[in-house]
Structures are given as structure tokens and as C-alpha cells.
Protein backbone atom coordinates (compact mmCIF):
# COMPACT_ATOMS: atom_id res chain seq x y z
CA MET A 1 -39.29 -49.46 -35.65
CA HIS A 2 -37.77 -51.88 -33.18
CA LEU A 3 -40.77 -53.90 -32.04
CA PRO A 4 -39.69 -54.60 -28.40
CA LEU A 5 -38.91 -50.90 -27.89
CA PHE A 6 -42.26 -49.90 -29.41
CA THR A 7 -44.06 -52.40 -27.17
CA CYS A 8 -42.24 -51.05 -24.11
CA LYS A 9 -43.15 -47.44 -24.97
CA LEU A 10 -46.77 -48.40 -25.62
CA LYS A 11 -46.97 -50.23 -22.29
CA LEU A 12 -45.49 -47.22 -20.49
CA LYS A 13 -47.98 -44.91 -22.21
CA LEU A 14 -50.90 -47.10 -21.19
CA GLN A 15 -49.63 -47.28 -17.61
CA THR A 16 -49.30 -43.47 -17.51
CA GLU A 17 -52.83 -43.05 -18.84
CA GLU A 18 -54.13 -45.51 -16.26
CA ILE A 19 -52.39 -43.63 -13.42
CA THR A 20 -53.80 -40.33 -14.69
CA SER A 21 -57.27 -41.85 -14.93
CA ASN A 22 -57.00 -43.27 -11.39
CA PHE A 23 -55.84 -39.90 -10.08
CA MET A 24 -58.81 -38.12 -11.63
CA SER A 25 -61.03 -40.81 -10.14
CA LEU A 26 -59.57 -40.07 -6.71
CA ILE A 27 -60.24 -36.33 -7.15
CA LYS A 28 -63.87 -37.03 -8.03
CA ALA A 29 -64.13 -39.40 -5.07
CA PHE A 30 -62.94 -36.70 -2.68
CA GLU A 31 -65.31 -34.17 -4.21
CA TRP A 32 -68.10 -36.64 -3.45
CA ARG A 33 -67.07 -37.60 0.09
CA TYR A 34 -67.81 -35.77 3.30
CA ALA A 35 -67.85 -36.73 6.96
CA ALA A 36 -71.32 -38.26 7.16
CA LYS A 37 -73.21 -37.30 10.29
CA LYS A 38 -76.09 -39.72 9.87
CA TYR A 39 -76.04 -43.15 8.23
CA ASP A 40 -78.66 -45.28 6.48
CA THR A 41 -79.33 -48.08 8.96
CA SER A 42 -80.93 -50.23 6.25
CA ARG A 43 -77.69 -50.53 4.29
CA LYS A 44 -74.76 -52.55 5.59
CA LEU A 45 -71.30 -53.23 4.24
CA THR A 46 -70.48 -56.81 3.35
CA GLN A 47 -67.57 -58.60 4.96
CA ASN A 48 -65.78 -58.58 1.60
CA GLN A 49 -66.15 -54.81 1.36
CA VAL A 50 -64.66 -54.34 4.81
CA VAL A 51 -61.75 -56.65 3.99
CA ASP A 52 -61.11 -54.70 0.77
CA LEU A 53 -61.12 -51.38 2.65
CA LEU A 54 -58.70 -52.61 5.32
CA GLY A 55 -56.26 -54.08 2.78
CA PRO A 56 -54.70 -50.69 1.92
CA VAL A 57 -54.60 -49.81 5.63
CA GLN A 58 -52.45 -52.88 6.25
CA LEU A 59 -50.04 -51.51 3.62
CA ALA A 60 -50.01 -47.98 5.04
CA PRO A 61 -46.61 -46.39 5.72
CA SER A 62 -45.41 -45.98 9.31
CA SER A 63 -42.18 -44.84 10.90
CA TYR A 64 -39.67 -47.74 11.04
CA GLY A 65 -42.51 -49.94 9.75
CA LEU A 66 -43.67 -50.64 13.32
CA GLN A 67 -47.40 -49.88 12.87
CA PRO A 68 -47.92 -49.13 16.59
CA TYR A 69 -51.71 -49.20 16.46
CA LYS A 70 -54.78 -51.38 16.02
CA PHE A 71 -58.07 -50.84 14.18
CA ILE A 72 -60.62 -52.52 16.48
CA HIS A 73 -64.00 -53.49 15.02
CA VAL A 74 -66.74 -53.15 17.63
CA GLN A 75 -69.80 -55.28 16.85
CA ASN A 76 -71.59 -55.77 20.17
CA LEU A 77 -74.69 -53.56 20.21
CA ALA A 78 -74.64 -53.01 23.97
CA THR A 79 -71.00 -51.92 23.73
CA LEU A 80 -71.86 -49.54 20.89
CA GLU A 81 -74.57 -47.96 23.05
CA LYS A 82 -71.98 -47.36 25.76
CA ILE A 83 -69.56 -45.91 23.22
CA SER A 84 -72.34 -43.65 21.94
CA ARG A 85 -72.75 -42.19 25.42
CA ALA A 86 -68.99 -41.74 25.73
CA ALA A 87 -69.13 -39.95 22.36
CA PHE A 88 -71.81 -37.55 23.63
CA GLY A 89 -74.59 -39.20 21.64
CA GLN A 90 -73.15 -38.66 18.19
CA PRO A 91 -75.55 -40.50 15.83
CA GLN A 92 -72.83 -42.11 13.69
CA ILE A 93 -72.05 -44.62 16.43
CA THR A 94 -75.45 -46.30 16.35
CA THR A 95 -76.42 -45.71 12.69
CA ALA A 96 -73.22 -46.59 10.78
CA SER A 97 -72.69 -50.07 9.35
CA HIS A 98 -69.31 -50.51 11.06
CA ILE A 99 -67.55 -48.74 13.91
CA LEU A 100 -63.80 -48.95 14.34
CA VAL A 101 -61.81 -47.78 17.34
CA ILE A 102 -58.28 -46.76 16.42
CA ALA A 103 -56.05 -47.42 19.40
CA VAL A 104 -52.30 -46.96 19.83
CA ASP A 105 -49.79 -49.07 21.69
CA THR A 106 -48.78 -47.71 25.09
CA ASN A 107 -45.93 -50.15 25.69
CA ILE A 108 -43.66 -49.38 22.74
CA GLY A 109 -40.13 -50.58 23.37
CA GLU A 110 -37.49 -53.15 22.54
CA GLU A 111 -40.01 -55.99 22.44
CA THR A 112 -41.96 -54.06 19.79
CA VAL A 113 -38.86 -53.70 17.65
CA LYS A 114 -37.79 -57.30 18.26
CA LYS A 115 -41.11 -58.59 16.94
CA TYR A 116 -40.87 -56.40 13.85
CA ILE A 117 -37.29 -57.44 13.09
CA ALA A 118 -38.26 -61.11 13.36
CA ALA A 119 -41.13 -60.55 10.92
CA ALA A 120 -38.86 -58.60 8.57
CA ALA A 121 -36.25 -61.37 8.54
CA LEU A 122 -38.94 -63.90 7.65
CA ALA A 123 -40.54 -61.72 4.95
CA ARG A 124 -37.20 -60.84 3.35
CA LYS A 125 -35.82 -64.36 3.64
CA THR A 126 -32.69 -63.34 5.48
CA GLU A 127 -31.04 -64.27 8.75
CA ARG A 128 -32.06 -62.21 11.73
CA LYS A 129 -28.45 -61.23 12.46
CA ASN A 130 -28.39 -59.32 9.17
CA LEU A 131 -30.96 -56.91 10.62
CA GLU A 132 -29.34 -56.40 14.02
CA ALA A 133 -27.86 -53.03 13.04
CA ARG A 134 -31.32 -51.84 12.04
CA GLU A 135 -32.77 -53.14 15.30
CA GLN A 136 -30.15 -51.30 17.35
CA PHE A 137 -30.74 -48.09 15.42
CA VAL A 138 -34.52 -48.13 15.91
CA ASN A 139 -34.14 -48.95 19.60
CA SER A 140 -31.70 -46.07 20.02
CA ARG A 141 -34.18 -43.63 18.46
CA LEU A 142 -37.13 -44.83 20.50
CA ALA A 143 -35.04 -44.64 23.69
CA LEU A 144 -34.89 -40.87 23.22
CA LEU A 145 -38.67 -40.58 23.69
CA SER A 146 -40.58 -40.48 26.95
CA ALA A 147 -43.65 -42.70 27.38
CA ALA A 148 -45.93 -39.76 26.54
CA GLN A 149 -43.85 -38.88 23.48
CA LYS A 150 -44.05 -42.46 22.24
CA ILE A 151 -47.85 -42.32 22.42
CA GLU A 152 -47.88 -39.03 20.55
CA TRP A 153 -45.57 -40.53 17.93
CA ALA A 154 -47.80 -43.62 17.65
CA GLU A 155 -50.86 -41.42 17.10
CA LYS A 156 -49.13 -39.72 14.19
CA GLN A 157 -48.49 -43.11 12.61
CA ALA A 158 -52.12 -44.12 13.18
CA PHE A 159 -53.36 -40.98 11.44
CA LEU A 160 -51.32 -41.88 8.36
CA ALA A 161 -53.25 -45.15 8.21
CA VAL A 162 -56.53 -43.33 8.82
CA GLY A 163 -55.85 -41.15 5.79
CA ILE A 164 -55.39 -44.29 3.70
CA LEU A 165 -58.72 -45.66 4.95
CA ILE A 166 -60.50 -42.41 4.12
CA SER A 167 -59.10 -42.54 0.58
CA ALA A 168 -59.98 -46.21 0.11
CA ALA A 169 -63.54 -45.62 1.30
CA ALA A 170 -64.01 -42.59 -0.96
CA GLU A 171 -62.83 -44.50 -4.02
CA ALA A 172 -65.18 -47.35 -3.18
CA GLY A 173 -68.16 -45.00 -2.80
CA ILE A 174 -68.42 -45.77 0.91
CA ASP A 175 -68.97 -43.06 3.48
CA ALA A 176 -66.51 -42.63 6.32
CA SER A 177 -66.47 -40.44 9.42
CA PRO A 178 -63.32 -40.06 11.53
CA MET A 179 -64.39 -38.84 14.98
CA GLU A 180 -62.41 -37.31 17.86
CA GLY A 181 -65.30 -36.09 20.01
CA PHE A 182 -65.42 -38.66 22.80
CA ASP A 183 -64.23 -39.28 26.34
CA HIS A 184 -61.02 -41.26 25.86
CA GLY A 185 -60.93 -42.51 29.44
CA GLN A 186 -64.47 -43.85 29.25
CA LEU A 187 -63.88 -45.54 25.91
CA ASP A 188 -60.68 -47.16 27.14
CA GLU A 189 -62.57 -48.49 30.15
CA ILE A 190 -65.52 -49.76 28.07
CA LEU A 191 -63.22 -51.83 25.87
CA GLY A 192 -60.67 -52.71 28.55
CA LEU A 193 -57.90 -51.27 26.40
CA LYS A 194 -55.51 -50.66 29.27
CA GLU A 195 -55.27 -54.41 29.88
CA HIS A 196 -54.02 -54.78 26.31
CA ASN A 197 -51.53 -51.89 26.52
CA LEU A 198 -53.69 -49.80 24.22
CA GLN A 199 -55.14 -46.29 24.31
CA SER A 200 -57.96 -44.97 22.12
CA THR A 201 -57.17 -42.12 19.77
CA LEU A 202 -60.01 -42.02 17.21
CA LEU A 203 -63.43 -43.41 16.36
CA PHE A 204 -64.16 -44.26 12.74
CA ALA A 205 -67.59 -44.89 11.21
CA LEU A 206 -68.17 -46.67 7.88
CA GLY A 207 -71.38 -47.15 5.94
CA TYR A 208 -73.75 -45.34 3.61
CA ARG A 209 -75.04 -41.83 4.17
CA SER A 210 -78.65 -41.33 5.14
CA PRO A 211 -80.83 -39.66 2.47
CA ASP A 212 -81.87 -37.06 5.02
CA ASP A 213 -78.36 -36.11 6.19
CA GLU A 214 -78.43 -32.36 5.53
CA PHE A 215 -74.63 -32.14 5.57
CA ALA A 216 -74.37 -34.13 2.32
CA SER A 217 -75.54 -31.18 0.22
CA LEU A 218 -73.36 -28.50 1.81
CA ALA A 219 -70.62 -26.97 -0.33
CA LYS A 220 -67.07 -27.85 0.67
CA VAL A 221 -65.05 -25.06 2.25
CA ARG A 222 -61.32 -25.42 1.63
CA LYS A 223 -58.36 -23.06 1.54
CA SER A 224 -57.18 -21.85 -1.85
CA HIS A 225 -54.28 -23.59 -3.58
CA ASP A 226 -51.92 -20.66 -2.97
CA GLU A 227 -52.93 -20.38 0.68
CA LEU A 228 -52.52 -24.08 1.37
CA PHE A 229 -49.34 -24.65 -0.64
CA PRO A 230 -47.04 -21.62 -0.16
CA THR A 231 -43.51 -21.50 -1.48
CA PHE A 232 -40.72 -20.33 0.82
């Protein structure tokens, strides 16, 4: 047997087995996870854990690569109390280890694209003029959207990143709760988001489930494979 070819095939086999193993690990992680309603206040995530969780989010896909959103970490306890009231007293806000506010850009335009193109030229070690055609194309597509449509589009991109964070947390054995039940206007005012051309779209809690969270033991209810994945 040709040794280099054998080595290549063996390496490919091992990589395939590793991917399969990782996939099964992800399935088990999602069987374990649920949207925690109450967190253990005695257990906190370390800074390293948070950095590890946000790493995949930074690499999340987004249309045109623009990433028109921010994941804002709120630490101030008084601010969290205000957010809790804006979120109708949901216990995750004051019991979770970390609370993130996912906010989308409200001023998406040519300056947004210009900044991205400059970063792309630097990352890809090319002259900016080589990306001008791409810049013009993206600007032409965004110009077709109204201000409200741009925000809706940005929210879709943010939710892609949220899905990545949910997956990363599940694999790490960390509980996560995406939350939409809050007064957006109040939250925007609490954080002064308008001044930064931002608008809240989601709250996200991270931490460890409380032992007495009754929702942890409930069976998952999901559509069947055939119902969820029809063939047309």
C-alpha cells in the first residue's frame, strides 16, 4: 500500500469519526438544554467561559458579513432591576449569571458598508479598490430597503447569531434563555440605546439552572420529523 495515500485515508477517517462524534454530542446537548426559567444565584460563569461562548458568535454568518447588531453585557445591578421591571418581572433577569441585550443597528447605510469593506481589505490583504464592486453591490441592495425593513433585516441576522450562542452554551453545559417578553421602548430608554443608533430586539440570560426550576424536568414537545421537514 502506498504509505502517503494510506495516511491520508486514515486521517480522513479519523476526521469523519470526530465530526460524527461531535454531532452526536450536539444532539445530546440539545436534549439536555431547555429555556431555564430560574437560575442558581450561587453559581456564576467565569470570564473565560463567557469569552469562549461569545467566540462562535463573533464567527456567526450574516448577510453580506455586516453583522448589524451588538450583544450588550449588562452588569449594573440597579440597571438589571429596571430591566426586570421592563421584562414584567421575569426571574431570569435577576437570577442568571449574565444578562445580554441583543440590539440591532438602526442607522444601516453606506457608512456601515464602508467600514466593513475597509475591514475586509485589511483582513484579506488587498487594496480597497479591489472591493469597490462588492461595496457598490451591497449598497445597491440595501438602498432598496426602507428604514423599517433594514431593522427587520438586521433582526434576522441577529437571530442567526443567537442560534449560534444557544448551541455553544448547550455544548458547554451552560443554560441559556432567549427572551422576547419585555417592553422594547422602556429597555431602549434604560440603556440609552437610541443615542447609539441601536434598538433592542432580545434579552438573553446565561448561567446555571436552579435545582428547583420545575421546567427542567418537563418532557420536550417537538413536531415529528415528517411534519417539520416535508418534501415538496
